[in-house]
N, C-alpha and C. Protein backbone atom coordinates (compact mmCIF):
# COMPACT_ATOMS: atom_id res chain seq x y z
N UNK A 1 -7.41 -22.32 24.10
CA UNK A 1 -6.30 -21.80 24.31
C UNK A 1 -5.20 -22.30 24.48
N UNK A 2 -3.87 -21.94 24.19
CA UNK A 2 -2.80 -22.47 24.01
C UNK A 2 -2.22 -22.85 25.26
N UNK A 3 -1.51 -24.11 25.69
CA UNK A 3 -1.01 -24.30 26.76
C UNK A 3 0.46 -24.48 27.13
N UNK A 4 1.24 -24.55 25.70
CA UNK A 4 2.76 -24.19 26.04
C UNK A 4 3.22 -22.96 25.97
N UNK A 5 4.24 -22.70 26.62
CA UNK A 5 4.48 -21.09 26.92
C UNK A 5 5.23 -20.59 25.38
N UNK A 6 5.63 -21.51 24.53
CA UNK A 6 5.96 -20.88 23.53
C UNK A 6 4.80 -20.87 22.36
N UNK A 7 3.82 -21.81 22.33
CA UNK A 7 2.62 -21.40 22.06
C UNK A 7 1.98 -20.09 22.26
N UNK A 8 1.79 -19.76 23.59
CA UNK A 8 1.28 -18.41 23.92
C UNK A 8 2.26 -17.41 23.57
N UNK A 9 3.38 -17.61 23.43
CA UNK A 9 4.03 -16.41 22.84
C UNK A 9 3.63 -16.03 21.29
N UNK A 10 3.72 -17.22 20.43
CA UNK A 10 3.83 -17.16 19.25
C UNK A 10 2.24 -16.62 18.96
N UNK A 11 1.04 -16.76 19.40
CA UNK A 11 0.06 -15.89 19.67
C UNK A 11 0.23 -14.69 19.78
N UNK A 12 1.09 -14.01 20.87
CA UNK A 12 1.40 -12.62 21.01
C UNK A 12 2.03 -12.36 19.97
N UNK A 13 3.17 -12.67 19.36
CA UNK A 13 3.68 -12.26 18.21
C UNK A 13 2.71 -12.22 17.10
N UNK A 14 1.97 -13.32 16.93
CA UNK A 14 0.94 -13.03 15.31
C UNK A 14 0.30 -12.19 15.49
N UNK A 15 -0.39 -11.82 16.65
CA UNK A 15 -1.37 -10.72 16.87
C UNK A 15 -0.68 -9.32 16.65
N UNK A 16 0.69 -9.12 17.13
CA UNK A 16 1.16 -7.91 16.83
C UNK A 16 1.46 -7.60 15.47
N UNK A 17 1.86 -8.95 14.60
CA UNK A 17 2.14 -8.73 13.34
C UNK A 17 1.09 -8.63 12.62
N UNK A 18 0.04 -9.04 13.00
CA UNK A 18 -1.30 -8.86 12.32
C UNK A 18 -1.56 -7.51 12.41
N UNK A 19 -1.67 -6.65 13.54
CA UNK A 19 -2.15 -5.54 13.58
C UNK A 19 -1.06 -4.64 12.90
N UNK A 20 -0.01 -4.85 12.77
CA UNK A 20 0.91 -4.18 12.14
C UNK A 20 0.71 -4.14 10.81
N UNK A 21 0.46 -5.43 10.04
CA UNK A 21 0.05 -5.64 8.74
C UNK A 21 -1.28 -4.91 8.07
N UNK A 22 -2.02 -4.85 9.25
CA UNK A 22 -3.74 -4.46 8.86
C UNK A 22 -3.44 -2.95 8.83
N UNK A 23 -2.23 -2.20 9.61
CA UNK A 23 -2.46 -0.93 9.76
C UNK A 23 -1.54 -0.17 8.53
N UNK A 24 -0.53 -1.07 7.93
CA UNK A 24 0.29 -0.66 6.66
C UNK A 24 -0.55 -0.71 5.59
N UNK A 25 -1.57 -2.47 5.52
CA UNK A 25 -2.45 -2.07 4.27
C UNK A 25 -3.59 -1.12 4.18
N UNK A 26 -3.96 -0.69 5.50
CA UNK A 26 -4.90 0.30 5.25
C UNK A 26 -4.62 1.71 4.89
N UNK A 27 -3.26 1.87 5.10
CA UNK A 27 -2.46 3.21 4.80
C UNK A 27 -2.07 3.29 3.34
N UNK A 28 -1.81 1.93 2.58
CA UNK A 28 -1.59 1.63 1.50
C UNK A 28 -2.75 1.97 0.63
N UNK A 29 -3.92 1.36 1.09
CA UNK A 29 -5.11 1.65 0.46
C UNK A 29 -5.62 3.13 0.63
N UNK A 30 -5.50 3.61 1.58
CA UNK A 30 -5.89 5.27 1.60
C UNK A 30 -4.85 6.22 0.66
N UNK A 31 -3.79 5.72 0.40
CA UNK A 31 -3.04 6.43 -0.23
C UNK A 31 -3.37 6.40 -1.95
N UNK A 32 -3.82 5.18 -1.88
CA UNK A 32 -4.14 4.78 -3.36
C UNK A 32 -5.43 5.70 -3.76
N UNK A 33 -6.14 5.75 -2.87
CA UNK A 33 -7.71 6.23 -3.03
C UNK A 33 -7.30 7.92 -3.03
N UNK A 34 -6.22 8.33 -2.36
CA UNK A 34 -6.23 9.83 -2.37
C UNK A 34 -5.53 10.06 -3.94
N UNK A 35 -4.73 9.27 -4.52
CA UNK A 35 -3.91 9.37 -5.82
C UNK A 35 -5.05 9.52 -6.71
N UNK A 36 -6.01 8.41 -6.66
CA UNK A 36 -7.36 8.55 -7.66
C UNK A 36 -8.19 9.67 -7.65
N UNK A 37 -8.40 10.22 -6.20
CA UNK A 37 -9.11 11.51 -5.99
C UNK A 37 -8.46 12.50 -6.83
N UNK A 38 -7.24 12.66 -6.90
CA UNK A 38 -6.46 13.89 -7.50
C UNK A 38 -6.57 13.68 -8.68
N UNK A 39 -6.45 12.21 -9.64
CA UNK A 39 -6.66 12.24 -10.69
C UNK A 39 -8.16 12.46 -11.36
N UNK A 40 -8.89 12.55 -10.57
CA UNK A 40 -10.51 12.77 -11.00
C UNK A 40 -10.57 14.26 -10.62
N UNK A 41 -10.06 15.04 -9.88
CA UNK A 41 -10.10 16.52 -9.65
C UNK A 41 -9.23 17.12 -11.01
N UNK A 42 -8.32 16.41 -11.72
CA UNK A 42 -7.75 17.19 -13.13
C UNK A 42 -6.73 17.99 -12.86
N UNK A 43 -6.00 18.01 -11.51
CA UNK A 43 -4.99 18.61 -11.31
C UNK A 43 -3.84 18.18 -11.36
N UNK A 44 -2.92 18.38 -12.46
CA UNK A 44 -1.72 17.23 -13.02
C UNK A 44 -0.70 17.15 -11.86
N UNK A 45 -0.51 18.43 -11.26
CA UNK A 45 0.98 18.67 -10.52
C UNK A 45 0.21 17.86 -8.99
N UNK A 46 -1.03 18.17 -8.63
CA UNK A 46 -1.35 17.38 -7.33
C UNK A 46 -1.42 16.04 -7.56
N UNK A 47 -1.81 15.44 -8.76
CA UNK A 47 -1.57 13.92 -9.12
C UNK A 47 -0.23 13.46 -9.20
N UNK A 48 0.61 14.28 -9.75
CA UNK A 48 2.05 13.72 -9.96
C UNK A 48 2.28 13.80 -8.52
N UNK A 49 2.43 14.52 -7.62
CA UNK A 49 2.93 14.65 -6.03
C UNK A 49 2.28 13.42 -5.44
N UNK A 50 0.91 13.09 -5.78
CA UNK A 50 0.32 11.95 -4.96
C UNK A 50 0.55 10.55 -5.70
N UNK A 51 1.38 10.62 -6.86
CA UNK A 51 1.66 9.38 -7.62
C UNK A 51 2.91 8.98 -7.04
N UNK A 52 3.73 9.92 -6.57
CA UNK A 52 5.10 9.62 -6.01
C UNK A 52 4.96 8.87 -4.83
N UNK A 53 4.05 9.52 -3.84
CA UNK A 53 3.75 9.03 -2.90
C UNK A 53 3.32 7.62 -2.77
N UNK A 54 2.15 7.45 -3.34
CA UNK A 54 1.67 6.13 -3.60
C UNK A 54 2.59 4.90 -4.29
N UNK A 55 3.53 5.31 -5.14
CA UNK A 55 4.43 4.36 -5.88
C UNK A 55 5.37 4.16 -4.55
N UNK A 56 5.92 4.84 -3.66
CA UNK A 56 6.61 4.68 -2.68
C UNK A 56 5.76 3.97 -1.84
N UNK A 57 4.56 3.84 -1.34
CA UNK A 57 3.98 3.14 -0.58
C UNK A 57 3.91 1.55 -0.87
N UNK A 58 3.59 1.82 -1.93
CA UNK A 58 3.16 0.26 -2.77
C UNK A 58 4.92 -0.64 -2.86
N UNK A 59 5.63 0.22 -3.08
CA UNK A 59 7.10 -0.45 -3.15
C UNK A 59 7.47 -0.78 -1.71
N UNK A 60 7.13 0.09 -0.69
CA UNK A 60 7.53 -0.44 0.70
C UNK A 60 6.83 -1.39 0.99
N UNK A 61 5.35 -1.57 0.98
CA UNK A 61 4.35 -2.75 1.17
C UNK A 61 5.10 -4.13 0.54
N UNK A 62 5.74 -3.85 -0.65
CA UNK A 62 6.20 -5.18 -1.46
C UNK A 62 7.79 -5.43 -0.74
N UNK A 63 8.29 -4.58 -0.19
CA UNK A 63 9.73 -4.80 0.52
C UNK A 63 9.54 -5.57 1.66
N UNK A 64 8.30 -4.67 2.37
CA UNK A 64 8.18 -5.52 3.89
C UNK A 64 7.59 -6.78 3.68
N UNK A 65 6.89 -7.51 2.78
CA UNK A 65 6.37 -8.50 2.44
C UNK A 65 4.78 -8.66 2.55
N UNK A 66 4.33 -7.42 2.64
CA UNK A 66 2.90 -7.02 2.83
C UNK A 66 2.28 -7.52 1.35
N UNK A 67 2.54 -7.48 0.49
CA UNK A 67 1.81 -7.85 -0.98
C UNK A 67 3.25 -8.10 -1.59
N UNK A 68 2.87 -9.14 -2.78
CA UNK A 68 3.96 -9.41 -3.69
C UNK A 68 4.68 -8.39 -4.36
N UNK A 69 5.82 -8.50 -5.03
CA UNK A 69 6.71 -7.53 -5.57
C UNK A 69 5.88 -7.15 -7.09
N UNK A 70 5.30 -8.19 -7.65
CA UNK A 70 4.83 -8.28 -9.00
C UNK A 70 3.54 -7.56 -8.88
N UNK A 71 2.87 -7.82 -7.74
CA UNK A 71 1.66 -7.15 -7.71
C UNK A 71 1.70 -5.67 -7.74
N UNK A 72 2.78 -5.31 -6.76
CA UNK A 72 3.13 -3.77 -6.45
C UNK A 72 3.50 -3.15 -7.90
N UNK A 73 4.29 -3.84 -8.79
CA UNK A 73 4.53 -3.43 -10.10
C UNK A 73 3.43 -3.03 -10.76
N UNK A 74 2.59 -4.48 -11.00
CA UNK A 74 1.18 -3.89 -11.74
C UNK A 74 0.42 -2.65 -11.28
N UNK A 75 0.47 -2.58 -9.93
CA UNK A 75 -0.34 -1.31 -9.48
C UNK A 75 0.27 -0.07 -10.05
N UNK A 76 1.43 0.11 -9.83
CA UNK A 76 2.26 1.44 -9.80
C UNK A 76 2.14 1.43 -11.53
N UNK A 77 2.37 0.53 -12.37
CA UNK A 77 2.10 0.42 -13.92
C UNK A 77 0.70 0.94 -14.25
N UNK A 78 -0.34 0.50 -13.69
CA UNK A 78 -1.51 0.80 -14.11
C UNK A 78 -1.95 2.44 -13.59
N UNK A 79 -1.32 2.51 -12.31
CA UNK A 79 -1.40 4.18 -11.78
C UNK A 79 -0.87 4.98 -12.68
N UNK A 80 0.25 4.70 -13.22
CA UNK A 80 1.13 5.65 -14.06
C UNK A 80 0.25 5.69 -15.35
N UNK A 81 -0.14 4.78 -16.23
CA UNK A 81 -1.11 5.11 -17.21
C UNK A 81 -1.95 6.02 -16.95
N UNK A 82 -2.84 5.88 -16.08
CA UNK A 82 -3.69 6.74 -15.43
C UNK A 82 -3.51 8.20 -15.56
N UNK A 83 -2.07 8.21 -15.14
CA UNK A 83 -1.67 9.59 -14.74
C UNK A 83 -0.89 10.12 -16.32
N UNK A 84 -0.56 9.35 -17.16
CA UNK A 84 -0.28 9.64 -18.36
C UNK A 84 -1.54 10.28 -19.25
N UNK A 85 -2.31 9.29 -19.01
CA UNK A 85 -3.64 9.71 -19.54
C UNK A 85 -4.21 10.97 -19.48
N UNK A 86 -3.88 11.64 -18.12
CA UNK A 86 -4.47 12.76 -17.62
C UNK A 86 -3.51 13.79 -18.33
N UNK A 87 -2.19 13.53 -18.58
CA UNK A 87 -1.23 14.62 -19.25
C UNK A 87 -1.81 14.62 -20.65
N UNK A 88 -2.19 13.80 -21.25
CA UNK A 88 -2.41 14.10 -22.51
C UNK A 88 -4.04 14.74 -22.90
């Protein structure tokens, strides 16, 4: 356990950030799963709606530093490919 006042504060801050990041990461993964489920159902309108929400979630995660920007770009691109394949 930390002995210095600043180290104790740092532990508290780190724990709060870890929980916030964990919550955001979980929500991001859940949104991706919802999109993939809507793709599998074959409903193009529902898939388009879920894609917009998923893209927004991924971009926000990148903006907040949860994931790297290029990873978000790659994921959005791959999901868009899947969506376009459904439309054809």
